[in-house]
């Protein structure tokens, strides 16, 4: 927890006496031959207990999430195309972030038994958001907009 000393340009971190993080996760997938649909959720809550016994909500814990995913398979299951919608709720103790819902798309192609190519576009609608794990408790640090990722996996040997 940042504590500001007398001098305005210095910053000091102090540990909490105790912290507790609770939560649970759920996941469900329907997977017929032509594609799949999935729904998952994770709910996280956390608090600190000071040396004096006072409790406060944790501000920098993972967001609670609900994710829906739909993927379709083509070309004898070599090509998978899909979309994902992910709702992220801000932690209770974080006053600088807010809830956000990015939409992502992905394509995966198994070219050969040894070569797989993946392409992913995250945050397709350029939602402005701050991830509570990457910021501070006093100012929002915004994540990049649309992010494109390309990966290739090559397997050698048997």
N, C-alpha and C. Protein backbone atom coordinates (compact mmCIF):
# COMPACT_ATOMS: atom_id res chain seq x y z
N UNK A 1 0.86 -1.18 0.00
CA UNK A 1 0.00 0.00 0.00
C UNK A 1 0.90 1.23 0.00
N UNK A 2 0.75 2.15 -1.00
CA UNK A 2 1.61 3.32 -1.04
C UNK A 2 1.26 4.30 0.08
N UNK A 3 2.28 4.80 0.72
CA UNK A 3 2.12 5.80 1.77
C UNK A 3 3.00 6.99 1.39
N UNK A 4 2.42 8.16 1.37
CA UNK A 4 3.18 9.35 0.99
C UNK A 4 3.89 9.93 2.20
N UNK A 5 5.22 10.00 2.17
CA UNK A 5 5.95 10.63 3.27
C UNK A 5 5.84 12.15 3.19
N UNK A 6 6.52 12.84 4.10
CA UNK A 6 6.47 14.32 4.16
C UNK A 6 6.89 14.97 2.86
N UNK A 7 7.85 14.38 2.18
CA UNK A 7 8.38 14.98 0.97
C UNK A 7 7.53 14.55 -0.22
N UNK A 8 6.98 15.48 -1.01
CA UNK A 8 5.98 15.16 -2.04
C UNK A 8 6.50 14.30 -3.19
N UNK A 9 7.80 14.26 -3.46
CA UNK A 9 8.28 13.49 -4.60
C UNK A 9 8.81 12.11 -4.21
N UNK A 10 8.57 11.66 -2.99
CA UNK A 10 9.00 10.34 -2.54
C UNK A 10 7.78 9.45 -2.33
N UNK A 11 7.95 8.15 -2.57
CA UNK A 11 6.86 7.20 -2.38
C UNK A 11 7.40 5.99 -1.63
N UNK A 12 6.64 5.48 -0.70
CA UNK A 12 7.07 4.37 0.13
C UNK A 12 5.98 3.29 0.11
N UNK A 13 6.37 2.01 0.07
CA UNK A 13 5.41 0.91 0.11
C UNK A 13 5.49 0.20 1.46
N UNK A 14 4.34 -0.09 2.02
CA UNK A 14 4.28 -0.82 3.28
C UNK A 14 3.41 -2.05 3.09
N UNK A 15 3.82 -3.16 3.66
CA UNK A 15 3.05 -4.40 3.56
C UNK A 15 1.81 -4.34 4.45
N UNK A 16 0.83 -5.15 4.08
CA UNK A 16 -0.36 -5.32 4.92
C UNK A 16 -0.06 -6.38 5.96
N UNK A 17 -0.74 -6.30 7.09
CA UNK A 17 -0.58 -7.33 8.12
C UNK A 17 -1.13 -8.66 7.59
N UNK A 18 -2.31 -8.62 6.96
CA UNK A 18 -2.93 -9.81 6.39
C UNK A 18 -3.76 -9.40 5.18
N UNK A 19 -3.91 -10.33 4.28
CA UNK A 19 -4.80 -10.13 3.14
C UNK A 19 -5.53 -11.43 2.88
N UNK A 20 -6.78 -11.32 2.48
CA UNK A 20 -7.57 -12.50 2.15
C UNK A 20 -8.19 -12.33 0.79
N UNK A 21 -8.09 -13.37 -0.04
CA UNK A 21 -8.70 -13.37 -1.37
C UNK A 21 -9.57 -14.61 -1.47
N UNK A 22 -10.83 -14.40 -1.79
CA UNK A 22 -11.79 -15.49 -1.94
C UNK A 22 -12.37 -15.44 -3.34
N UNK A 23 -12.87 -16.58 -3.81
CA UNK A 23 -13.53 -16.58 -5.10
C UNK A 23 -13.86 -17.98 -5.55
N UNK A 24 -14.48 -18.06 -6.72
CA UNK A 24 -14.77 -19.35 -7.31
C UNK A 24 -14.87 -19.19 -8.82
N UNK A 25 -14.74 -20.32 -9.52
CA UNK A 25 -14.80 -20.34 -10.98
C UNK A 25 -15.79 -21.40 -11.44
N UNK A 26 -16.42 -21.13 -12.58
CA UNK A 26 -17.32 -22.07 -13.22
C UNK A 26 -17.00 -22.09 -14.71
N UNK A 27 -17.16 -23.25 -15.34
CA UNK A 27 -16.94 -23.33 -16.79
C UNK A 27 -17.84 -24.40 -17.37
N UNK A 28 -18.40 -24.10 -18.52
CA UNK A 28 -19.24 -25.05 -19.22
C UNK A 28 -18.95 -24.95 -20.71
N UNK A 29 -18.84 -26.12 -21.39
CA UNK A 29 -18.55 -26.14 -22.82
C UNK A 29 -19.45 -27.16 -23.49
N UNK A 30 -20.05 -26.76 -24.61
CA UNK A 30 -20.79 -27.67 -25.46
C UNK A 30 -19.96 -27.83 -26.73
N UNK A 31 -19.61 -29.08 -27.09
CA UNK A 31 -18.65 -29.31 -28.16
C UNK A 31 -19.14 -30.38 -29.15
N UNK A 32 -20.06 -30.02 -30.06
CA UNK A 32 -20.42 -30.97 -31.12
C UNK A 32 -19.34 -30.94 -32.21
N UNK A 33 -19.47 -31.74 -33.22
CA UNK A 33 -18.43 -31.87 -34.25
C UNK A 33 -18.19 -30.57 -35.03
N UNK A 34 -19.21 -29.77 -35.24
CA UNK A 34 -19.09 -28.58 -36.09
C UNK A 34 -18.47 -27.37 -35.41
N UNK A 35 -18.35 -27.38 -34.08
CA UNK A 35 -17.80 -26.24 -33.37
C UNK A 35 -17.97 -26.40 -31.88
N UNK A 36 -17.97 -25.30 -31.17
CA UNK A 36 -18.16 -25.35 -29.72
C UNK A 36 -18.68 -24.02 -29.22
N UNK A 37 -19.30 -24.06 -28.06
CA UNK A 37 -19.77 -22.86 -27.36
C UNK A 37 -19.38 -23.03 -25.90
N UNK A 38 -18.85 -21.98 -25.32
CA UNK A 38 -18.41 -22.06 -23.94
C UNK A 38 -18.84 -20.84 -23.15
N UNK A 39 -19.05 -21.07 -21.87
CA UNK A 39 -19.37 -19.99 -20.95
C UNK A 39 -18.58 -20.24 -19.67
N UNK A 40 -17.83 -19.24 -19.24
CA UNK A 40 -17.05 -19.39 -18.01
C UNK A 40 -17.19 -18.12 -17.17
N UNK A 41 -16.97 -18.28 -15.88
CA UNK A 41 -17.06 -17.15 -14.97
C UNK A 41 -16.09 -17.35 -13.82
N UNK A 42 -15.48 -16.27 -13.39
CA UNK A 42 -14.65 -16.29 -12.19
C UNK A 42 -14.98 -15.05 -11.38
N UNK A 43 -15.20 -15.26 -10.10
CA UNK A 43 -15.56 -14.17 -9.20
C UNK A 43 -14.51 -14.09 -8.10
N UNK A 44 -13.93 -12.90 -7.92
CA UNK A 44 -12.83 -12.69 -6.99
C UNK A 44 -13.18 -11.54 -6.05
N UNK A 45 -12.89 -11.72 -4.78
CA UNK A 45 -13.10 -10.67 -3.79
C UNK A 45 -11.91 -10.72 -2.83
N UNK A 46 -11.42 -9.57 -2.43
CA UNK A 46 -10.27 -9.55 -1.52
C UNK A 46 -10.30 -8.38 -0.58
N UNK A 47 -9.65 -8.55 0.55
CA UNK A 47 -9.58 -7.48 1.54
C UNK A 47 -8.26 -7.58 2.31
N UNK A 48 -7.90 -6.49 2.92
CA UNK A 48 -6.70 -6.44 3.76
C UNK A 48 -7.12 -6.23 5.20
N UNK A 49 -6.25 -6.62 6.10
CA UNK A 49 -6.44 -6.34 7.52
C UNK A 49 -5.17 -5.65 8.00
N UNK A 50 -5.31 -4.44 8.48
CA UNK A 50 -4.14 -3.67 8.90
C UNK A 50 -3.61 -4.20 10.23
N UNK A 51 -2.47 -3.68 10.65
CA UNK A 51 -1.89 -4.07 11.94
C UNK A 51 -2.80 -3.64 13.10
N UNK A 52 -3.66 -2.66 12.85
CA UNK A 52 -4.60 -2.19 13.87
C UNK A 52 -5.92 -2.95 13.82
N UNK A 53 -6.08 -3.88 12.83
CA UNK A 53 -7.29 -4.69 12.73
C UNK A 53 -8.36 -4.15 11.80
N UNK A 54 -8.11 -3.03 11.13
CA UNK A 54 -9.11 -2.45 10.23
C UNK A 54 -9.08 -3.18 8.88
N UNK A 55 -10.26 -3.44 8.32
CA UNK A 55 -10.37 -4.10 7.02
C UNK A 55 -10.62 -3.09 5.92
N UNK A 56 -10.07 -3.35 4.72
CA UNK A 56 -10.30 -2.52 3.54
C UNK A 56 -10.32 -3.43 2.32
N UNK A 57 -11.11 -3.06 1.30
CA UNK A 57 -11.15 -3.85 0.07
C UNK A 57 -9.84 -3.73 -0.68
N UNK A 58 -9.39 -4.85 -1.27
CA UNK A 58 -8.19 -4.82 -2.10
C UNK A 58 -8.50 -4.16 -3.44
N UNK A 59 -7.63 -3.30 -3.91
CA UNK A 59 -7.86 -2.58 -5.16
C UNK A 59 -7.19 -3.23 -6.35
N UNK A 60 -6.10 -3.96 -6.13
CA UNK A 60 -5.34 -4.52 -7.24
C UNK A 60 -5.38 -6.04 -7.22
N UNK A 61 -6.58 -6.57 -7.44
CA UNK A 61 -6.79 -8.00 -7.60
C UNK A 61 -7.39 -8.23 -8.98
N UNK A 62 -7.37 -9.45 -9.49
CA UNK A 62 -7.96 -9.69 -10.82
C UNK A 62 -9.44 -9.31 -10.85
N UNK A 63 -9.88 -8.85 -12.00
CA UNK A 63 -11.30 -8.53 -12.20
C UNK A 63 -12.12 -9.81 -12.17
N UNK A 64 -13.34 -9.72 -11.67
CA UNK A 64 -14.28 -10.81 -11.85
C UNK A 64 -14.67 -10.82 -13.33
N UNK A 65 -14.77 -12.02 -13.93
CA UNK A 65 -15.01 -12.12 -15.37
C UNK A 65 -16.12 -13.09 -15.69
N UNK A 66 -16.84 -12.77 -16.77
CA UNK A 66 -17.77 -13.70 -17.39
C UNK A 66 -17.42 -13.69 -18.88
N UNK A 67 -17.10 -14.87 -19.43
CA UNK A 67 -16.65 -14.98 -20.81
C UNK A 67 -17.54 -15.94 -21.58
N UNK A 68 -18.01 -15.50 -22.74
CA UNK A 68 -18.77 -16.35 -23.66
C UNK A 68 -17.93 -16.52 -24.93
N UNK A 69 -17.84 -17.75 -25.42
CA UNK A 69 -16.99 -18.04 -26.57
C UNK A 69 -17.75 -18.95 -27.54
N UNK A 70 -17.63 -18.66 -28.84
CA UNK A 70 -18.23 -19.48 -29.88
C UNK A 70 -17.18 -19.73 -30.94
N UNK A 71 -16.96 -21.01 -31.28
CA UNK A 71 -16.00 -21.36 -32.31
C UNK A 71 -16.62 -22.32 -33.31
N UNK A 72 -16.30 -22.13 -34.59
CA UNK A 72 -16.80 -23.00 -35.66
C UNK A 72 -15.61 -23.68 -36.34
N UNK A 73 -15.79 -24.95 -36.70
CA UNK A 73 -14.72 -25.73 -37.32
C UNK A 73 -15.04 -25.98 -38.79
N UNK A 74 -14.01 -25.89 -39.63
CA UNK A 74 -14.14 -26.10 -41.07
C UNK A 74 -12.97 -26.95 -41.57
N UNK A 75 -13.02 -27.35 -42.82
CA UNK A 75 -11.93 -28.07 -43.50
C UNK A 75 -11.46 -29.28 -42.69
N UNK A 76 -12.41 -30.14 -42.35
CA UNK A 76 -12.12 -31.35 -41.58
C UNK A 76 -11.40 -31.03 -40.26
N UNK A 77 -11.88 -30.03 -39.58
CA UNK A 77 -11.37 -29.58 -38.27
C UNK A 77 -9.97 -28.96 -38.32
N UNK A 78 -9.48 -28.61 -39.50
CA UNK A 78 -8.16 -27.97 -39.58
C UNK A 78 -8.25 -26.46 -39.33
N UNK A 79 -9.42 -25.88 -39.61
CA UNK A 79 -9.61 -24.43 -39.45
C UNK A 79 -10.67 -24.18 -38.38
N UNK A 80 -10.33 -23.35 -37.41
CA UNK A 80 -11.27 -22.94 -36.37
C UNK A 80 -11.36 -21.42 -36.39
N UNK A 81 -12.59 -20.91 -36.42
CA UNK A 81 -12.84 -19.47 -36.42
C UNK A 81 -13.78 -19.19 -35.25
N UNK A 82 -13.48 -18.14 -34.49
CA UNK A 82 -14.34 -17.90 -33.34
C UNK A 82 -14.35 -16.47 -32.86
N UNK A 83 -15.25 -16.23 -31.91
CA UNK A 83 -15.39 -14.93 -31.28
C UNK A 83 -15.58 -15.14 -29.78
N UNK A 84 -15.17 -14.13 -29.02
CA UNK A 84 -15.23 -14.20 -27.56
C UNK A 84 -15.65 -12.83 -27.02
N UNK A 85 -16.58 -12.84 -26.09
CA UNK A 85 -17.01 -11.61 -25.41
C UNK A 85 -16.69 -11.80 -23.94
N UNK A 86 -16.00 -10.83 -23.35
CA UNK A 86 -15.51 -11.00 -21.98
C UNK A 86 -15.87 -9.79 -21.12
N UNK A 87 -16.83 -9.98 -20.22
CA UNK A 87 -17.19 -8.92 -19.27
C UNK A 87 -16.23 -8.97 -18.09
N UNK A 88 -15.68 -7.82 -17.71
CA UNK A 88 -14.76 -7.71 -16.57
C UNK A 88 -15.30 -6.68 -15.60
N UNK A 89 -15.56 -7.09 -14.37
CA UNK A 89 -16.06 -6.18 -13.34
C UNK A 89 -14.90 -5.64 -12.51
N UNK A 90 -14.98 -4.39 -12.15
CA UNK A 90 -13.88 -3.80 -11.36
C UNK A 90 -13.91 -4.31 -9.93
N UNK A 91 -12.74 -4.46 -9.31
CA UNK A 91 -12.70 -4.84 -7.89
C UNK A 91 -13.37 -3.77 -7.03
N UNK A 92 -14.02 -4.19 -5.95
CA UNK A 92 -14.74 -3.25 -5.08
C UNK A 92 -13.85 -2.13 -4.57
N UNK A 93 -12.61 -2.43 -4.24
CA UNK A 93 -11.76 -1.43 -3.63
C UNK A 93 -11.07 -0.51 -4.61
N UNK A 94 -11.27 -0.69 -5.90
CA UNK A 94 -10.57 0.11 -6.90
C UNK A 94 -11.46 1.25 -7.37
N UNK A 95 -11.05 2.47 -7.10
CA UNK A 95 -11.86 3.64 -7.46
C UNK A 95 -11.48 4.25 -8.79
N UNK A 96 -10.39 3.80 -9.43
CA UNK A 96 -9.96 4.41 -10.69
C UNK A 96 -10.31 3.58 -11.91
N UNK A 97 -10.67 2.32 -11.76
CA UNK A 97 -11.06 1.51 -12.92
C UNK A 97 -12.57 1.42 -12.98
N UNK A 98 -13.09 0.84 -14.06
CA UNK A 98 -14.52 0.62 -14.21
C UNK A 98 -14.74 -0.69 -14.94
N UNK A 99 -15.96 -1.18 -14.97
CA UNK A 99 -16.29 -2.39 -15.70
C UNK A 99 -16.01 -2.19 -17.19
N UNK A 100 -15.61 -3.26 -17.89
CA UNK A 100 -15.38 -3.16 -19.33
C UNK A 100 -15.66 -4.50 -19.99
N UNK A 101 -15.98 -4.45 -21.30
CA UNK A 101 -16.34 -5.66 -22.04
C UNK A 101 -15.69 -5.64 -23.42
N UNK A 102 -14.51 -6.22 -23.56
CA UNK A 102 -13.91 -6.31 -24.89
C UNK A 102 -14.47 -7.50 -25.68
N UNK A 103 -14.42 -7.38 -27.00
CA UNK A 103 -14.81 -8.46 -27.92
C UNK A 103 -13.55 -8.86 -28.68
N UNK A 104 -13.27 -10.17 -28.72
CA UNK A 104 -12.08 -10.69 -29.36
C UNK A 104 -12.47 -11.68 -30.45
N UNK A 105 -11.61 -11.84 -31.46
CA UNK A 105 -11.83 -12.82 -32.53
C UNK A 105 -10.55 -13.62 -32.73
N UNK A 106 -10.70 -14.86 -33.18
CA UNK A 106 -9.53 -15.70 -33.37
C UNK A 106 -9.72 -16.67 -34.53
N UNK A 107 -8.59 -17.06 -35.14
CA UNK A 107 -8.55 -18.04 -36.22
C UNK A 107 -7.36 -18.94 -35.93
N UNK A 108 -7.57 -20.24 -36.08
CA UNK A 108 -6.50 -21.22 -35.88
C UNK A 108 -6.51 -22.17 -37.07
N UNK A 109 -5.34 -22.43 -37.66
CA UNK A 109 -5.26 -23.33 -38.81
C UNK A 109 -4.15 -24.35 -38.59
N UNK A 110 -4.53 -25.61 -38.60
CA UNK A 110 -3.57 -26.72 -38.48
C UNK A 110 -3.14 -27.09 -39.89
N UNK A 111 -2.07 -26.47 -40.38
CA UNK A 111 -1.63 -26.65 -41.77
C UNK A 111 -1.16 -28.07 -42.03
N UNK A 112 -0.35 -28.61 -41.12
CA UNK A 112 0.13 -29.99 -41.21
C UNK A 112 0.10 -30.57 -39.80
N UNK A 113 0.49 -31.83 -39.68
CA UNK A 113 0.56 -32.42 -38.34
C UNK A 113 1.57 -31.69 -37.46
N UNK A 114 2.56 -31.06 -38.09
CA UNK A 114 3.63 -30.41 -37.33
C UNK A 114 3.50 -28.89 -37.26
N UNK A 115 2.65 -28.27 -38.09
CA UNK A 115 2.58 -26.81 -38.16
C UNK A 115 1.17 -26.31 -37.89
N UNK A 116 1.07 -25.41 -36.92
CA UNK A 116 -0.20 -24.76 -36.58
C UNK A 116 0.02 -23.25 -36.56
N UNK A 117 -0.91 -22.50 -37.16
CA UNK A 117 -0.83 -21.04 -37.20
C UNK A 117 -2.06 -20.47 -36.51
N UNK A 118 -1.84 -19.51 -35.60
CA UNK A 118 -2.92 -18.87 -34.85
C UNK A 118 -2.88 -17.36 -35.07
N UNK A 119 -4.05 -16.78 -35.25
CA UNK A 119 -4.19 -15.33 -35.34
C UNK A 119 -5.29 -14.91 -34.38
N UNK A 120 -5.06 -13.82 -33.66
CA UNK A 120 -6.02 -13.34 -32.67
C UNK A 120 -6.08 -11.82 -32.72
N UNK A 121 -7.29 -11.28 -32.67
CA UNK A 121 -7.50 -9.83 -32.60
C UNK A 121 -8.25 -9.55 -31.30
N UNK A 122 -7.60 -8.89 -30.36
CA UNK A 122 -8.21 -8.58 -29.07
C UNK A 122 -8.73 -7.15 -29.06
N UNK A 123 -9.84 -6.95 -28.36
CA UNK A 123 -10.45 -5.63 -28.19
C UNK A 123 -10.82 -5.02 -29.55
N UNK A 124 -11.60 -5.76 -30.33
CA UNK A 124 -11.97 -5.35 -31.69
C UNK A 124 -12.64 -3.99 -31.77
N UNK A 125 -13.41 -3.60 -30.76
CA UNK A 125 -14.13 -2.33 -30.81
C UNK A 125 -13.40 -1.22 -30.06
N UNK A 126 -12.12 -1.45 -29.77
CA UNK A 126 -11.25 -0.44 -29.18
C UNK A 126 -11.82 0.17 -27.90
N UNK A 127 -12.27 -0.70 -26.99
CA UNK A 127 -12.81 -0.26 -25.71
C UNK A 127 -11.68 0.31 -24.85
N UNK A 128 -11.89 1.49 -24.27
CA UNK A 128 -10.89 2.10 -23.40
C UNK A 128 -11.09 1.54 -21.99
N UNK A 129 -10.05 0.86 -21.47
CA UNK A 129 -10.18 0.27 -20.15
C UNK A 129 -8.84 0.23 -19.44
N UNK A 130 -8.92 0.13 -18.12
CA UNK A 130 -7.73 0.01 -17.28
C UNK A 130 -7.82 -1.31 -16.53
N UNK A 131 -6.82 -2.16 -16.68
CA UNK A 131 -6.77 -3.42 -15.96
C UNK A 131 -6.30 -3.13 -14.53
N UNK A 132 -7.05 -3.54 -13.51
CA UNK A 132 -6.66 -3.22 -12.14
C UNK A 132 -5.31 -3.82 -11.72
N UNK A 133 -4.85 -4.86 -12.40
CA UNK A 133 -3.56 -5.45 -12.06
C UNK A 133 -2.39 -4.65 -12.62
N UNK A 134 -2.62 -3.83 -13.64
CA UNK A 134 -1.53 -3.10 -14.29
C UNK A 134 -1.47 -1.63 -13.91
N UNK A 135 -2.33 -1.18 -13.03
CA UNK A 135 -2.37 0.23 -12.71
C UNK A 135 -2.02 0.53 -11.28
N UNK A 136 -2.43 1.68 -10.87
CA UNK A 136 -2.22 2.08 -9.48
C UNK A 136 -3.59 2.31 -8.85
N UNK A 137 -3.61 2.67 -7.60
CA UNK A 137 -4.88 2.92 -6.92
C UNK A 137 -5.26 4.40 -6.98
N UNK A 138 -4.43 5.22 -7.62
CA UNK A 138 -4.72 6.65 -7.68
C UNK A 138 -4.94 7.17 -9.10
N UNK A 139 -4.48 6.45 -10.11
CA UNK A 139 -4.65 6.91 -11.50
C UNK A 139 -4.84 5.70 -12.41
N UNK A 140 -5.74 5.85 -13.39
CA UNK A 140 -5.99 4.76 -14.34
C UNK A 140 -4.85 4.68 -15.34
N UNK A 141 -4.35 3.48 -15.58
CA UNK A 141 -3.34 3.23 -16.60
C UNK A 141 -4.05 2.41 -17.68
N UNK A 142 -4.33 3.04 -18.81
CA UNK A 142 -5.15 2.39 -19.83
C UNK A 142 -4.35 1.40 -20.66
N UNK A 143 -5.02 0.33 -21.05
CA UNK A 143 -4.43 -0.73 -21.86
C UNK A 143 -4.45 -0.30 -23.33
N UNK A 144 -3.61 -0.97 -24.16
CA UNK A 144 -3.62 -0.61 -25.59
C UNK A 144 -4.97 -0.95 -26.22
N UNK A 145 -5.28 -0.32 -27.33
CA UNK A 145 -6.53 -0.55 -28.03
C UNK A 145 -6.55 -1.91 -28.70
N UNK A 146 -6.86 -1.94 -29.96
CA UNK A 146 -6.92 -3.20 -30.71
C UNK A 146 -5.53 -3.82 -30.74
N UNK A 147 -5.44 -5.09 -30.38
CA UNK A 147 -4.16 -5.79 -30.34
C UNK A 147 -4.24 -7.00 -31.27
N UNK A 148 -3.29 -7.11 -32.19
CA UNK A 148 -3.24 -8.24 -33.12
C UNK A 148 -2.08 -9.15 -32.74
N UNK A 149 -2.35 -10.45 -32.74
CA UNK A 149 -1.33 -11.43 -32.37
C UNK A 149 -1.27 -12.53 -33.42
N UNK A 150 -0.07 -12.89 -33.81
CA UNK A 150 0.15 -13.97 -34.77
C UNK A 150 1.16 -14.93 -34.16
N UNK A 151 0.83 -16.22 -34.20
CA UNK A 151 1.74 -17.23 -33.64
C UNK A 151 1.79 -18.42 -34.57
N UNK A 152 2.94 -19.04 -34.61
CA UNK A 152 3.11 -20.29 -35.37
C UNK A 152 3.78 -21.29 -34.45
N UNK A 153 3.26 -22.50 -34.47
CA UNK A 153 3.83 -23.58 -33.66
C UNK A 153 4.31 -24.68 -34.59
N UNK A 154 5.58 -25.02 -34.48
CA UNK A 154 6.18 -26.07 -35.30
C UNK A 154 6.67 -27.17 -34.39
N UNK A 155 6.28 -28.37 -34.65
CA UNK A 155 6.70 -29.51 -33.84
C UNK A 155 7.70 -30.33 -34.64
N UNK A 156 8.84 -30.62 -34.03
CA UNK A 156 9.91 -31.39 -34.67
C UNK A 156 9.98 -32.79 -34.05
N UNK A 157 10.29 -33.75 -34.82
CA UNK A 157 10.42 -35.12 -34.31
C UNK A 157 9.08 -35.80 -34.19
N UNK A 158 9.02 -36.87 -33.41
CA UNK A 158 7.80 -37.68 -33.29
C UNK A 158 6.99 -37.31 -32.17
